[in-house]
């Protein structure tokens, strides 16, 4: 499945969420990650997100059954292109 994760955290804690989500997804904007993920990995990621969050912090996870259902337009450099070839 294809997932987009958006988070809003205290500035001094954003690196924690970024590090967690980068294990599963591609970092595309300041607080946005996306990519293909298995249902098992998504369940694990959601649990780890819940454990990490503190009061007044939030994470939104958008789930699509396929990236073919997503109309994604990028203006400028596409960060996902560089991240796929490490």
C-alpha atoms as a PDB file:
ATOM      1  CA  UNK A   1       0.000   0.000   0.000  1.00  0.00           C
ATOM      2  CA  UNK A   2       1.047   3.613  -0.485  1.00  0.00           C
ATOM      3  CA  UNK A   3       1.187   5.878   2.572  1.00  0.00           C
ATOM      4  CA  UNK A   4       1.677   9.585   3.223  1.00  0.00           C
ATOM      5  CA  UNK A   5       2.636  10.609   6.768  1.00  0.00           C
ATOM      6  CA  UNK A   6       2.418  14.214   7.969  1.00  0.00           C
ATOM      7  CA  UNK A   7       3.476  15.199  11.475  1.00  0.00           C
ATOM      8  CA  UNK A   8       3.425  18.249  13.734  1.00  0.00           C
ATOM      9  CA  UNK A   9       5.657  18.057  16.786  1.00  0.00           C
ATOM     10  CA  UNK A  10       7.609  20.294  19.118  1.00  0.00           C
ATOM     11  CA  UNK A  11      10.587  21.677  17.172  1.00  0.00           C
ATOM     12  CA  UNK A  12      13.187  20.002  19.388  1.00  0.00           C
ATOM     13  CA  UNK A  13      11.504  16.594  18.884  1.00  0.00           C
ATOM     14  CA  UNK A  14      10.903  16.540  15.124  1.00  0.00           C
ATOM     15  CA  UNK A  15      14.148  14.657  14.536  1.00  0.00           C
ATOM     16  CA  UNK A  16      12.748  11.721  16.527  1.00  0.00           C
ATOM     17  CA  UNK A  17       9.713  11.321  14.271  1.00  0.00           C
ATOM     18  CA  UNK A  18      11.792  11.853  11.149  1.00  0.00           C
ATOM     19  CA  UNK A  19      14.256   9.153  12.188  1.00  0.00           C
ATOM     20  CA  UNK A  20      11.421   6.735  12.948  1.00  0.00           C
ATOM     21  CA  UNK A  21       9.516   7.312   9.711  1.00  0.00           C
ATOM     22  CA  UNK A  22      12.644   7.216   7.530  1.00  0.00           C
ATOM     23  CA  UNK A  23      13.016   3.547   8.447  1.00  0.00           C
ATOM     24  CA  UNK A  24       9.895   2.883   6.375  1.00  0.00           C
ATOM     25  CA  UNK A  25       9.263   5.839   4.036  1.00  0.00           C
ATOM     26  CA  UNK A  26      10.941   8.547   1.924  1.00  0.00           C
ATOM     27  CA  UNK A  27      11.326  12.053   3.381  1.00  0.00           C
ATOM     28  CA  UNK A  28       9.834  14.460   0.807  1.00  0.00           C
ATOM     29  CA  UNK A  29       9.190  17.715   2.712  1.00  0.00           C
ATOM     30  CA  UNK A  30       9.938  19.115   6.174  1.00  0.00           C
ATOM     31  CA  UNK A  31       7.346  17.035   8.033  1.00  0.00           C
ATOM     32  CA  UNK A  32       6.105  14.812   5.208  1.00  0.00           C
ATOM     33  CA  UNK A  33       7.119  11.277   4.242  1.00  0.00           C
ATOM     34  CA  UNK A  34       5.615   8.895   1.704  1.00  0.00           C
ATOM     35  CA  UNK A  35       6.114   5.584  -0.018  1.00  0.00           C
ATOM     36  CA  UNK A  36       5.169   1.931  -0.395  1.00  0.00           C
ATOM     37  CA  UNK A  37       4.869  -0.028   2.835  1.00  0.00           C
ATOM     38  CA  UNK A  38       3.566  -3.465   3.767  1.00  0.00           C
ATOM     39  CA  UNK A  39       0.528  -3.770   6.021  1.00  0.00           C
ATOM     40  CA  UNK A  40       2.701  -5.358   8.707  1.00  0.00           C
ATOM     41  CA  UNK A  41       5.277  -2.575   8.611  1.00  0.00           C
ATOM     42  CA  UNK A  42       2.491   0.019   8.657  1.00  0.00           C
ATOM     43  CA  UNK A  43       0.998  -1.552  11.785  1.00  0.00           C
ATOM     44  CA  UNK A  44       4.435  -1.488  13.417  1.00  0.00           C
ATOM     45  CA  UNK A  45       5.012   2.132  12.361  1.00  0.00           C
ATOM     46  CA  UNK A  46       1.625   3.216  13.736  1.00  0.00           C
ATOM     47  CA  UNK A  47       2.403   1.614  17.086  1.00  0.00           C
ATOM     48  CA  UNK A  48       5.790   3.309  17.273  1.00  0.00           C
ATOM     49  CA  UNK A  49       4.221   6.652  16.335  1.00  0.00           C
ATOM     50  CA  UNK A  50       1.690   6.333  19.156  1.00  0.00           C
ATOM     51  CA  UNK A  51       4.471   5.515  21.616  1.00  0.00           C
ATOM     52  CA  UNK A  52       6.519   8.546  20.546  1.00  0.00           C
ATOM     53  CA  UNK A  53       3.797  11.215  20.577  1.00  0.00           C
ATOM     54  CA  UNK A  54       3.394  13.631  23.439  1.00  0.00           C
ATOM     55  CA  UNK A  55       0.537  15.947  24.317  1.00  0.00           C
ATOM     56  CA  UNK A  56      -0.289  18.586  21.629  1.00  0.00           C
ATOM     57  CA  UNK A  57       1.617  16.644  18.932  1.00  0.00           C
ATOM     58  CA  UNK A  58      -0.094  14.978  15.988  1.00  0.00           C
ATOM     59  CA  UNK A  59       0.520  12.654  13.061  1.00  0.00           C
ATOM     60  CA  UNK A  60      -1.755  12.046  10.088  1.00  0.00           C
ATOM     61  CA  UNK A  61      -1.403   8.847   8.061  1.00  0.00           C
ATOM     62  CA  UNK A  62      -3.066   8.766   4.641  1.00  0.00           C
ATOM     63  CA  UNK A  63      -3.408   5.220   3.281  1.00  0.00           C
ATOM     64  CA  UNK A  64      -4.000   4.333  -0.354  1.00  0.00           C
ATOM     65  CA  UNK A  65      -4.351   0.775  -1.572  1.00  0.00           C
ATOM     66  CA  UNK A  66      -2.012   1.593  -4.471  1.00  0.00           C
ATOM     67  CA  UNK A  67       0.151   4.472  -5.689  1.00  0.00           C
ATOM     68  CA  UNK A  68      -1.866   4.215  -8.927  1.00  0.00           C
ATOM     69  CA  UNK A  69      -4.812   5.761  -7.084  1.00  0.00           C
ATOM     70  CA  UNK A  70      -2.737   8.813  -6.245  1.00  0.00           C
ATOM     71  CA  UNK A  71      -2.475  11.754  -8.617  1.00  0.00           C
ATOM     72  CA  UNK A  72       0.834  13.258  -7.493  1.00  0.00           C
ATOM     73  CA  UNK A  73       2.253  16.349  -9.184  1.00  0.00           C
ATOM     74  CA  UNK A  74       5.672  17.676  -8.189  1.00  0.00           C
ATOM     75  CA  UNK A  75       6.866  21.134  -9.195  1.00  0.00           C
ATOM     76  CA  UNK A  76      10.626  21.449  -8.977  1.00  0.00           C
ATOM     77  CA  UNK A  77      12.942  18.676  -7.813  1.00  0.00           C
ATOM     78  CA  UNK A  78      11.254  15.448  -6.713  1.00  0.00           C
ATOM     79  CA  UNK A  79      12.932  14.215  -3.524  1.00  0.00           C
ATOM     80  CA  UNK A  80      11.628  10.685  -4.040  1.00  0.00           C
ATOM     81  CA  UNK A  81      13.678  10.277  -7.211  1.00  0.00           C
ATOM     82  CA  UNK A  82      17.022  10.715  -5.431  1.00  0.00           C
ATOM     83  CA  UNK A  83      16.078   8.558  -2.438  1.00  0.00           C
ATOM     84  CA  UNK A  84      15.223   5.464  -4.462  1.00  0.00           C
ATOM     85  CA  UNK A  85      18.801   4.987  -5.653  1.00  0.00           C
ATOM     86  CA  UNK A  86      21.109   4.829  -2.666  1.00  0.00           C
END
